């Protein structure tokens, strides 16, 4: 997994991923029922370290932190059942990890990051200042953030600035009074 460091401290690490892969499967509604029917891919963490999540009815996102993940996906979905769209080049991927990851992300998103509400393997669709973002909880203290590439550089700058301010505030809290 190729990474580029954005921020590193004792409690927080932010890395940009260079080889992440994102695939969307849009399922066609069953004729006459009007619903997407049963989705054949379960949501959550899969055995090979890839993730699946459903950001909307009838859609499943397949995410891999490495470019080789989910090979053969297009062949696995019959054309009459759904459409597979490669989205890897339309998203910038970041990993936020460390003991301060939940608190850091809570300063960017109005989401309950507790493990009860956001368990390991869960992915959600949200926004940050109108930029669409997918968040995936990869571990108790690690999250993958996928942001539309056109907002990627700005989102990276925001994360860097918030992290610096967060570290400065944490350092001030640790100073003797």
N, C-alpha and C. Protein backbone atom coordinates (compact mmCIF):
# COMPACT_ATOMS: atom_id res chain seq x y z
N UNK A 1 0.85 -1.16 0.00
CA UNK A 1 0.00 0.00 0.00
C UNK A 1 0.90 1.23 0.00
N UNK A 2 0.97 1.95 -1.08
CA UNK A 2 1.78 3.16 -1.17
C UNK A 2 1.08 4.29 -0.44
N UNK A 3 1.84 4.99 0.40
CA UNK A 3 1.26 6.06 1.21
C UNK A 3 2.13 7.31 1.12
N UNK A 4 1.51 8.44 1.41
CA UNK A 4 2.26 9.67 1.58
C UNK A 4 1.81 10.30 2.90
N UNK A 5 2.76 10.67 3.73
CA UNK A 5 2.45 11.21 5.05
C UNK A 5 1.90 12.62 4.92
N UNK A 6 0.79 12.87 5.60
CA UNK A 6 0.20 14.20 5.65
C UNK A 6 0.42 14.79 7.03
N UNK A 7 0.26 13.94 8.06
CA UNK A 7 0.43 14.40 9.44
C UNK A 7 0.76 13.19 10.31
N UNK A 8 1.70 13.38 11.22
CA UNK A 8 2.03 12.32 12.18
C UNK A 8 2.29 12.95 13.54
N UNK A 9 1.65 12.40 14.55
CA UNK A 9 1.90 12.79 15.93
C UNK A 9 1.70 11.57 16.79
N UNK A 10 1.81 11.73 18.10
CA UNK A 10 1.67 10.57 18.98
C UNK A 10 0.26 9.97 18.91
N UNK A 11 -0.75 10.80 18.78
CA UNK A 11 -2.13 10.31 18.84
C UNK A 11 -2.83 10.28 17.49
N UNK A 12 -2.19 10.82 16.44
CA UNK A 12 -2.89 10.95 15.17
C UNK A 12 -1.92 10.78 14.01
N UNK A 13 -2.36 10.00 13.03
CA UNK A 13 -1.57 9.81 11.81
C UNK A 13 -2.52 9.92 10.62
N UNK A 14 -2.15 10.72 9.63
CA UNK A 14 -2.96 10.87 8.43
C UNK A 14 -2.06 10.55 7.24
N UNK A 15 -2.50 9.62 6.42
CA UNK A 15 -1.74 9.19 5.25
C UNK A 15 -2.63 9.28 4.02
N UNK A 16 -2.05 9.66 2.91
CA UNK A 16 -2.75 9.61 1.63
C UNK A 16 -2.43 8.29 0.95
N UNK A 17 -3.42 7.60 0.43
CA UNK A 17 -3.21 6.33 -0.27
C UNK A 17 -3.10 6.60 -1.76
N UNK A 18 -2.13 5.99 -2.39
CA UNK A 18 -1.92 6.19 -3.82
C UNK A 18 -2.54 5.10 -4.68
N UNK A 19 -2.82 3.94 -4.10
CA UNK A 19 -3.26 2.81 -4.91
C UNK A 19 -4.65 2.30 -4.55
N UNK A 20 -5.46 3.07 -3.86
CA UNK A 20 -6.78 2.61 -3.42
C UNK A 20 -7.68 2.35 -4.62
N UNK A 21 -8.64 1.45 -4.45
CA UNK A 21 -9.57 1.10 -5.52
C UNK A 21 -10.99 1.19 -5.01
N UNK A 22 -11.88 1.80 -5.78
CA UNK A 22 -13.29 1.94 -5.43
C UNK A 22 -14.14 1.55 -6.63
N UNK A 23 -15.07 0.64 -6.41
CA UNK A 23 -15.96 0.15 -7.47
C UNK A 23 -17.39 0.28 -6.96
N UNK A 24 -18.28 0.76 -7.80
CA UNK A 24 -19.70 0.85 -7.44
C UNK A 24 -20.49 -0.15 -8.26
N UNK A 25 -21.40 -0.84 -7.60
CA UNK A 25 -22.34 -1.72 -8.30
C UNK A 25 -23.73 -1.15 -8.08
N UNK A 26 -24.39 -0.78 -9.15
CA UNK A 26 -25.77 -0.31 -9.09
C UNK A 26 -26.66 -1.45 -9.56
N UNK A 27 -27.56 -1.90 -8.69
CA UNK A 27 -28.43 -3.01 -9.01
C UNK A 27 -29.73 -2.51 -9.61
N UNK A 28 -30.16 -3.16 -10.68
CA UNK A 28 -31.42 -2.81 -11.31
C UNK A 28 -32.56 -3.31 -10.45
N UNK A 29 -33.67 -2.59 -10.47
CA UNK A 29 -34.85 -3.03 -9.73
C UNK A 29 -35.42 -4.28 -10.40
N UNK A 30 -35.96 -5.17 -9.59
CA UNK A 30 -36.64 -6.33 -10.14
C UNK A 30 -37.87 -5.86 -10.89
N UNK A 31 -38.11 -6.45 -12.02
CA UNK A 31 -39.26 -6.01 -12.82
C UNK A 31 -40.55 -6.20 -12.02
N UNK A 32 -41.31 -5.13 -11.95
CA UNK A 32 -42.61 -5.17 -11.28
C UNK A 32 -42.55 -4.88 -9.79
N UNK A 33 -41.39 -5.05 -9.14
CA UNK A 33 -41.35 -4.86 -7.70
C UNK A 33 -40.96 -3.44 -7.31
N UNK A 34 -40.19 -2.75 -8.17
CA UNK A 34 -39.78 -1.39 -7.88
C UNK A 34 -38.66 -1.30 -6.85
N UNK A 35 -38.16 -2.42 -6.34
CA UNK A 35 -37.06 -2.37 -5.37
C UNK A 35 -35.82 -3.02 -5.96
N UNK A 36 -34.71 -2.76 -5.35
CA UNK A 36 -33.46 -3.31 -5.87
C UNK A 36 -33.33 -4.80 -5.56
N UNK A 37 -34.18 -5.31 -4.70
CA UNK A 37 -34.10 -6.73 -4.38
C UNK A 37 -32.93 -7.04 -3.47
N UNK A 38 -32.57 -8.29 -3.38
CA UNK A 38 -31.50 -8.74 -2.49
C UNK A 38 -30.14 -8.40 -3.09
N UNK A 39 -29.30 -7.75 -2.30
CA UNK A 39 -27.95 -7.44 -2.74
C UNK A 39 -27.06 -8.64 -2.45
N UNK A 40 -26.37 -9.20 -3.43
CA UNK A 40 -25.62 -10.43 -3.23
C UNK A 40 -24.32 -10.26 -2.46
N UNK A 41 -23.87 -9.04 -2.22
CA UNK A 41 -22.60 -8.81 -1.53
C UNK A 41 -22.89 -8.23 -0.16
N UNK A 42 -22.49 -8.90 0.91
CA UNK A 42 -22.77 -8.40 2.25
C UNK A 42 -21.93 -7.17 2.57
N UNK A 43 -22.48 -6.28 3.40
CA UNK A 43 -21.73 -5.10 3.81
C UNK A 43 -20.77 -5.47 4.92
N UNK A 44 -19.64 -4.79 4.99
CA UNK A 44 -18.67 -5.01 6.06
C UNK A 44 -17.31 -5.38 5.53
N UNK A 45 -16.45 -5.78 6.44
CA UNK A 45 -15.08 -6.15 6.12
C UNK A 45 -15.05 -7.56 5.54
N UNK A 46 -14.37 -7.74 4.42
CA UNK A 46 -14.24 -9.05 3.83
C UNK A 46 -12.89 -9.65 4.20
N UNK A 47 -12.72 -10.92 3.93
CA UNK A 47 -11.54 -11.66 4.37
C UNK A 47 -10.23 -11.10 3.82
N UNK A 48 -10.24 -10.54 2.62
CA UNK A 48 -8.99 -10.08 2.02
C UNK A 48 -8.65 -8.62 2.35
N UNK A 49 -9.28 -8.04 3.37
CA UNK A 49 -8.98 -6.68 3.78
C UNK A 49 -9.71 -5.62 2.99
N UNK A 50 -10.61 -6.03 2.11
CA UNK A 50 -11.43 -5.09 1.35
C UNK A 50 -12.72 -4.84 2.12
N UNK A 51 -13.42 -3.79 1.75
CA UNK A 51 -14.65 -3.41 2.45
C UNK A 51 -15.80 -3.28 1.46
N UNK A 52 -17.00 -3.55 1.94
CA UNK A 52 -18.20 -3.29 1.16
C UNK A 52 -19.13 -2.45 2.03
N UNK A 53 -19.84 -1.53 1.41
CA UNK A 53 -20.86 -0.78 2.14
C UNK A 53 -21.88 -0.28 1.14
N UNK A 54 -23.06 0.05 1.65
CA UNK A 54 -24.15 0.50 0.79
C UNK A 54 -24.51 1.94 1.15
N UNK A 55 -24.08 2.91 0.34
CA UNK A 55 -24.38 4.31 0.65
C UNK A 55 -25.80 4.73 0.30
N UNK A 56 -26.49 3.91 -0.49
CA UNK A 56 -27.86 4.23 -0.91
C UNK A 56 -28.56 2.93 -1.31
N UNK A 57 -29.89 2.91 -1.30
CA UNK A 57 -30.60 1.71 -1.73
C UNK A 57 -30.23 1.33 -3.16
N UNK A 58 -29.97 0.04 -3.36
CA UNK A 58 -29.64 -0.45 -4.69
C UNK A 58 -28.21 -0.23 -5.12
N UNK A 59 -27.36 0.26 -4.22
CA UNK A 59 -25.96 0.50 -4.55
C UNK A 59 -25.06 -0.14 -3.50
N UNK A 60 -24.00 -0.74 -3.97
CA UNK A 60 -22.98 -1.30 -3.08
C UNK A 60 -21.64 -0.77 -3.56
N UNK A 61 -20.85 -0.27 -2.63
CA UNK A 61 -19.51 0.20 -2.94
C UNK A 61 -18.52 -0.86 -2.48
N UNK A 62 -17.55 -1.16 -3.32
CA UNK A 62 -16.49 -2.10 -3.00
C UNK A 62 -15.20 -1.29 -2.91
N UNK A 63 -14.55 -1.34 -1.76
CA UNK A 63 -13.35 -0.52 -1.55
C UNK A 63 -12.19 -1.40 -1.13
N UNK A 64 -11.04 -1.16 -1.73
CA UNK A 64 -9.81 -1.86 -1.38
C UNK A 64 -8.70 -0.84 -1.22
N UNK A 65 -7.92 -0.91 -0.12
CA UNK A 65 -6.81 0.02 0.03
C UNK A 65 -5.66 -0.24 -0.93
N UNK A 66 -5.72 -1.32 -1.68
CA UNK A 66 -4.69 -1.62 -2.69
C UNK A 66 -5.36 -1.78 -4.05
N UNK A 67 -4.63 -1.47 -5.11
CA UNK A 67 -5.21 -1.45 -6.45
C UNK A 67 -5.62 -2.83 -6.96
N UNK A 68 -5.06 -3.90 -6.40
CA UNK A 68 -5.39 -5.24 -6.90
C UNK A 68 -6.68 -5.80 -6.31
N UNK A 69 -7.28 -5.10 -5.34
CA UNK A 69 -8.50 -5.60 -4.70
C UNK A 69 -9.67 -5.64 -5.66
N UNK A 70 -10.57 -6.57 -5.43
CA UNK A 70 -11.81 -6.73 -6.18
C UNK A 70 -11.59 -7.02 -7.66
N UNK A 71 -10.54 -7.73 -8.01
CA UNK A 71 -10.34 -8.08 -9.41
C UNK A 71 -11.46 -9.01 -9.87
N UNK A 72 -11.90 -8.85 -11.08
CA UNK A 72 -12.96 -9.69 -11.65
C UNK A 72 -14.37 -9.29 -11.24
N UNK A 73 -14.54 -8.11 -10.64
CA UNK A 73 -15.86 -7.68 -10.18
C UNK A 73 -16.85 -7.56 -11.32
N UNK A 74 -16.43 -6.97 -12.44
CA UNK A 74 -17.35 -6.77 -13.56
C UNK A 74 -17.87 -8.11 -14.09
N UNK A 75 -17.04 -9.13 -14.09
CA UNK A 75 -17.46 -10.45 -14.57
C UNK A 75 -18.43 -11.13 -13.61
N UNK A 76 -18.38 -10.75 -12.32
CA UNK A 76 -19.22 -11.41 -11.32
C UNK A 76 -20.65 -10.89 -11.30
N UNK A 77 -20.89 -9.73 -11.90
CA UNK A 77 -22.25 -9.16 -11.91
C UNK A 77 -22.83 -9.30 -13.31
N UNK A 78 -23.87 -10.13 -13.48
CA UNK A 78 -24.47 -10.30 -14.80
C UNK A 78 -25.07 -8.98 -15.30
N UNK A 79 -24.97 -8.69 -16.60
CA UNK A 79 -25.46 -7.42 -17.14
C UNK A 79 -26.94 -7.16 -16.86
N UNK A 80 -27.75 -8.20 -16.79
CA UNK A 80 -29.18 -8.00 -16.53
C UNK A 80 -29.46 -7.70 -15.06
N UNK A 81 -28.47 -7.90 -14.21
CA UNK A 81 -28.65 -7.73 -12.77
C UNK A 81 -28.21 -6.35 -12.29
N UNK A 82 -27.15 -5.81 -12.90
CA UNK A 82 -26.65 -4.52 -12.44
C UNK A 82 -25.50 -4.01 -13.28
N UNK A 83 -25.01 -2.84 -12.89
CA UNK A 83 -23.97 -2.14 -13.63
C UNK A 83 -22.77 -1.91 -12.70
N UNK A 84 -21.57 -2.23 -13.17
CA UNK A 84 -20.35 -2.03 -12.39
C UNK A 84 -19.63 -0.81 -12.94
N UNK A 85 -19.28 0.12 -12.05
CA UNK A 85 -18.58 1.34 -12.45
C UNK A 85 -17.31 1.49 -11.63
N UNK A 86 -16.19 1.62 -12.30
CA UNK A 86 -14.90 1.85 -11.65
C UNK A 86 -14.82 3.33 -11.24
N UNK A 87 -14.62 3.59 -9.94
CA UNK A 87 -14.58 4.97 -9.44
C UNK A 87 -13.23 5.34 -8.84
N UNK A 88 -12.24 4.47 -8.97
CA UNK A 88 -10.95 4.70 -8.32
C UNK A 88 -10.32 6.03 -8.69
N UNK A 89 -10.41 6.41 -9.94
CA UNK A 89 -9.75 7.64 -10.39
C UNK A 89 -10.56 8.89 -10.07
N UNK A 90 -11.74 8.71 -9.49
CA UNK A 90 -12.55 9.87 -9.15
C UNK A 90 -12.50 10.21 -7.67
N UNK A 91 -11.73 9.46 -6.90
CA UNK A 91 -11.64 9.68 -5.46
C UNK A 91 -10.19 9.75 -4.99
N UNK A 92 -9.96 10.60 -3.99
CA UNK A 92 -8.70 10.62 -3.27
C UNK A 92 -8.93 9.88 -1.97
N UNK A 93 -7.99 9.00 -1.60
CA UNK A 93 -8.16 8.17 -0.41
C UNK A 93 -7.16 8.56 0.67
N UNK A 94 -7.64 8.60 1.91
CA UNK A 94 -6.81 8.94 3.06
C UNK A 94 -7.09 7.96 4.19
N UNK A 95 -6.09 7.71 5.01
CA UNK A 95 -6.27 6.90 6.21
C UNK A 95 -5.99 7.81 7.41
N UNK A 96 -6.93 7.85 8.34
CA UNK A 96 -6.77 8.59 9.58
C UNK A 96 -6.74 7.54 10.69
N UNK A 97 -5.63 7.49 11.44
CA UNK A 97 -5.51 6.45 12.46
C UNK A 97 -4.84 6.99 13.71
N UNK A 98 -4.92 6.21 14.76
CA UNK A 98 -4.32 6.58 16.04
C UNK A 98 -5.38 6.74 17.10
N UNK A 99 -4.93 6.91 18.34
CA UNK A 99 -5.88 7.01 19.45
C UNK A 99 -6.76 8.25 19.36
N UNK A 100 -6.34 9.25 18.61
CA UNK A 100 -7.14 10.47 18.46
C UNK A 100 -7.97 10.53 17.18
N UNK A 101 -8.03 9.43 16.43
CA UNK A 101 -8.72 9.45 15.13
C UNK A 101 -10.19 9.80 15.25
N UNK A 102 -10.91 9.18 16.20
CA UNK A 102 -12.35 9.47 16.36
C UNK A 102 -12.57 10.95 16.67
N UNK A 103 -11.81 11.45 17.64
CA UNK A 103 -11.97 12.85 18.05
C UNK A 103 -11.62 13.81 16.91
N UNK A 104 -10.56 13.49 16.17
CA UNK A 104 -10.16 14.32 15.04
C UNK A 104 -11.27 14.36 13.98
N UNK A 105 -11.78 13.20 13.58
CA UNK A 105 -12.83 13.14 12.56
C UNK A 105 -14.13 13.77 13.04
N UNK A 106 -14.41 13.68 14.35
CA UNK A 106 -15.61 14.31 14.90
C UNK A 106 -15.55 15.83 14.78
N UNK A 107 -14.32 16.38 14.66
CA UNK A 107 -14.20 17.83 14.46
C UNK A 107 -14.47 18.21 13.01
N UNK A 108 -14.52 17.23 12.10
CA UNK A 108 -14.79 17.49 10.69
C UNK A 108 -16.19 17.08 10.25
N UNK A 109 -16.76 16.07 10.93
CA UNK A 109 -18.05 15.51 10.52
C UNK A 109 -18.98 15.38 11.72
N UNK A 110 -20.26 15.70 11.54
CA UNK A 110 -21.27 15.56 12.60
C UNK A 110 -21.80 14.13 12.59
N UNK A 111 -20.95 13.19 13.04
CA UNK A 111 -21.27 11.77 13.02
C UNK A 111 -20.90 11.19 14.38
N UNK A 112 -21.68 10.22 14.84
CA UNK A 112 -21.36 9.49 16.06
C UNK A 112 -20.30 8.44 15.71
N UNK A 113 -19.07 8.64 16.14
CA UNK A 113 -17.97 7.74 15.81
C UNK A 113 -17.77 6.63 16.83
N UNK A 114 -18.68 6.47 17.80
CA UNK A 114 -18.54 5.39 18.76
C UNK A 114 -18.63 4.06 18.03
N UNK A 115 -17.96 3.04 18.55
CA UNK A 115 -17.96 1.74 17.88
C UNK A 115 -19.35 1.12 17.85
N UNK A 116 -20.22 1.48 18.78
CA UNK A 116 -21.59 0.96 18.75
C UNK A 116 -22.36 1.51 17.55
N UNK A 117 -22.18 2.78 17.23
CA UNK A 117 -22.88 3.40 16.10
C UNK A 117 -22.15 3.24 14.78
N UNK A 118 -20.83 3.13 14.86
CA UNK A 118 -20.00 3.06 13.65
C UNK A 118 -19.01 1.90 13.83
N UNK A 119 -19.49 0.65 13.68
CA UNK A 119 -18.63 -0.51 13.94
C UNK A 119 -17.56 -0.72 12.87
N UNK A 120 -16.57 -1.53 13.20
CA UNK A 120 -15.50 -1.87 12.26
C UNK A 120 -16.12 -2.52 11.02
N UNK A 121 -15.69 -2.07 9.85
CA UNK A 121 -16.19 -2.58 8.58
C UNK A 121 -17.34 -1.78 8.00
N UNK A 122 -17.92 -0.87 8.78
CA UNK A 122 -19.04 -0.07 8.29
C UNK A 122 -18.54 1.10 7.45
N UNK A 123 -19.24 1.40 6.38
CA UNK A 123 -18.95 2.56 5.54
C UNK A 123 -20.18 3.43 5.44
N UNK A 124 -19.99 4.73 5.42
CA UNK A 124 -21.11 5.66 5.30
C UNK A 124 -20.78 6.74 4.27
N UNK A 125 -21.81 7.31 3.71
CA UNK A 125 -21.67 8.45 2.81
C UNK A 125 -22.07 9.70 3.58
N UNK A 126 -21.23 10.73 3.49
CA UNK A 126 -21.51 11.99 4.17
C UNK A 126 -20.94 13.13 3.32
N UNK A 127 -20.92 14.33 3.85
CA UNK A 127 -20.34 15.47 3.13
C UNK A 127 -19.49 16.29 4.09
N UNK A 128 -18.53 17.00 3.53
CA UNK A 128 -17.75 17.98 4.27
C UNK A 128 -17.74 19.25 3.44
N UNK A 129 -18.44 20.28 3.90
CA UNK A 129 -18.58 21.53 3.15
C UNK A 129 -19.00 21.25 1.71
N UNK A 130 -20.04 20.47 1.56
CA UNK A 130 -20.66 20.12 0.27
C UNK A 130 -19.84 19.17 -0.59
N UNK A 131 -18.69 18.71 -0.12
CA UNK A 131 -17.89 17.73 -0.86
C UNK A 131 -18.29 16.33 -0.39
N UNK A 132 -18.69 15.45 -1.32
CA UNK A 132 -19.07 14.09 -0.92
C UNK A 132 -17.88 13.31 -0.40
N UNK A 133 -18.09 12.61 0.72
CA UNK A 133 -17.04 11.83 1.37
C UNK A 133 -17.62 10.48 1.79
N UNK A 134 -16.86 9.41 1.54
CA UNK A 134 -17.19 8.10 2.09
C UNK A 134 -16.22 7.85 3.23
N UNK A 135 -16.74 7.46 4.39
CA UNK A 135 -15.92 7.10 5.54
C UNK A 135 -16.09 5.62 5.82
N UNK A 136 -15.00 4.93 6.05
CA UNK A 136 -15.02 3.50 6.34
C UNK A 136 -14.20 3.27 7.60
N UNK A 137 -14.79 2.58 8.57
CA UNK A 137 -14.04 2.25 9.78
C UNK A 137 -13.30 0.94 9.53
N UNK A 138 -11.98 1.01 9.43
CA UNK A 138 -11.15 -0.15 9.13
C UNK A 138 -10.70 -0.89 10.39
N UNK A 139 -10.61 -0.20 11.50
CA UNK A 139 -10.20 -0.78 12.78
C UNK A 139 -10.74 0.12 13.88
N UNK A 140 -10.54 -0.28 15.12
CA UNK A 140 -11.05 0.52 16.23
C UNK A 140 -10.52 1.94 16.20
N UNK A 141 -9.29 2.12 15.73
CA UNK A 141 -8.67 3.45 15.70
C UNK A 141 -8.18 3.84 14.30
N UNK A 142 -8.85 3.33 13.25
CA UNK A 142 -8.42 3.66 11.88
C UNK A 142 -9.63 3.82 10.97
N UNK A 143 -9.62 4.87 10.19
CA UNK A 143 -10.70 5.18 9.25
C UNK A 143 -10.11 5.48 7.88
N UNK A 144 -10.80 5.07 6.84
CA UNK A 144 -10.44 5.43 5.47
C UNK A 144 -11.43 6.49 5.02
N UNK A 145 -10.93 7.57 4.44
CA UNK A 145 -11.76 8.67 3.93
C UNK A 145 -11.58 8.72 2.42
N UNK A 146 -12.67 8.67 1.69
CA UNK A 146 -12.63 8.77 0.23
C UNK A 146 -13.39 10.03 -0.15
N UNK A 147 -12.70 10.97 -0.75
CA UNK A 147 -13.31 12.25 -1.11
C UNK A 147 -13.18 12.43 -2.62
N UNK A 148 -14.17 13.09 -3.21
CA UNK A 148 -14.13 13.36 -4.64
C UNK A 148 -12.80 14.02 -4.98
N UNK A 149 -12.13 13.52 -6.00
CA UNK A 149 -10.78 13.98 -6.33
C UNK A 149 -10.71 15.49 -6.55
N UNK A 150 -11.75 16.08 -7.10
CA UNK A 150 -11.73 17.53 -7.34
C UNK A 150 -11.66 18.32 -6.03
N UNK A 151 -12.05 17.70 -4.91
CA UNK A 151 -11.95 18.34 -3.60
C UNK A 151 -10.79 17.79 -2.78
N UNK A 152 -10.06 16.83 -3.32
CA UNK A 152 -9.02 16.13 -2.57
C UNK A 152 -7.95 17.02 -1.99
N UNK A 153 -7.40 17.91 -2.79
CA UNK A 153 -6.32 18.78 -2.33
C UNK A 153 -6.82 19.70 -1.22
N UNK A 154 -8.03 20.25 -1.39
CA UNK A 154 -8.60 21.13 -0.37
C UNK A 154 -8.87 20.35 0.91
N UNK A 155 -9.42 19.15 0.79
CA UNK A 155 -9.71 18.32 1.96
C UNK A 155 -8.42 17.97 2.70
N UNK A 156 -7.36 17.69 1.95
CA UNK A 156 -6.07 17.38 2.55
C UNK A 156 -5.55 18.59 3.34
N UNK A 157 -5.69 19.79 2.78
CA UNK A 157 -5.26 21.01 3.46
C UNK A 157 -6.07 21.23 4.73
N UNK A 158 -7.38 21.00 4.66
CA UNK A 158 -8.24 21.15 5.84
C UNK A 158 -7.79 20.16 6.92
N UNK A 159 -7.57 18.90 6.53
CA UNK A 159 -7.12 17.90 7.52
C UNK A 159 -5.79 18.30 8.14
N UNK A 160 -4.87 18.78 7.33
CA UNK A 160 -3.55 19.18 7.83
C UNK A 160 -3.69 20.34 8.83
N UNK A 161 -4.50 21.35 8.49
CA UNK A 161 -4.67 22.50 9.37
C UNK A 161 -5.39 22.13 10.66
N UNK A 162 -6.45 21.32 10.56
CA UNK A 162 -7.17 20.90 11.76
C UNK A 162 -6.26 20.05 12.64
N UNK A 163 -5.47 19.16 12.04
CA UNK A 163 -4.56 18.31 12.80
C UNK A 163 -3.51 19.14 13.52
N UNK A 164 -2.98 20.16 12.86
CA UNK A 164 -1.98 21.02 13.51
C UNK A 164 -2.61 21.75 14.69
N UNK A 165 -3.79 22.31 14.48
CA UNK A 165 -4.49 22.98 15.58
C UNK A 165 -4.84 22.01 16.70
N UNK A 166 -5.24 20.80 16.32
CA UNK A 166 -5.58 19.78 17.31
C UNK A 166 -4.35 19.41 18.13
N UNK A 167 -3.20 19.25 17.48
CA UNK A 167 -1.96 18.93 18.19
C UNK A 167 -1.52 20.09 19.07
N UNK A 168 -1.67 21.34 18.57
CA UNK A 168 -1.29 22.50 19.37
C UNK A 168 -2.13 22.57 20.64
N UNK A 169 -3.45 22.33 20.51
CA UNK A 169 -4.34 22.36 21.66
C UNK A 169 -4.00 21.22 22.63
N UNK A 170 -3.69 20.06 22.09
CA UNK A 170 -3.32 18.91 22.93
C UNK A 170 -2.02 19.19 23.67
N UNK A 171 -1.05 19.81 23.00
CA UNK A 171 0.23 20.15 23.62
C UNK A 171 0.01 21.17 24.74
N UNK A 172 -0.89 22.13 24.51
CA UNK A 172 -1.20 23.13 25.54
C UNK A 172 -1.84 22.47 26.76
N UNK A 173 -2.69 21.48 26.52
CA UNK A 173 -3.33 20.75 27.64
C UNK A 173 -2.30 20.00 28.47
N UNK A 174 -1.20 19.58 27.86
CA UNK A 174 -0.20 18.79 28.56
C UNK A 174 0.84 19.64 29.29
N UNK A 175 0.80 20.96 29.07
CA UNK A 175 1.77 21.84 29.71
C UNK A 175 1.41 22.00 31.20
N UNK A 176 2.42 22.00 32.07
CA UNK A 176 2.13 22.22 33.51
C UNK A 176 1.59 23.63 33.72
N UNK A 177 0.69 23.74 34.66
CA UNK A 177 0.06 25.05 34.93
C UNK A 177 0.60 25.64 36.20
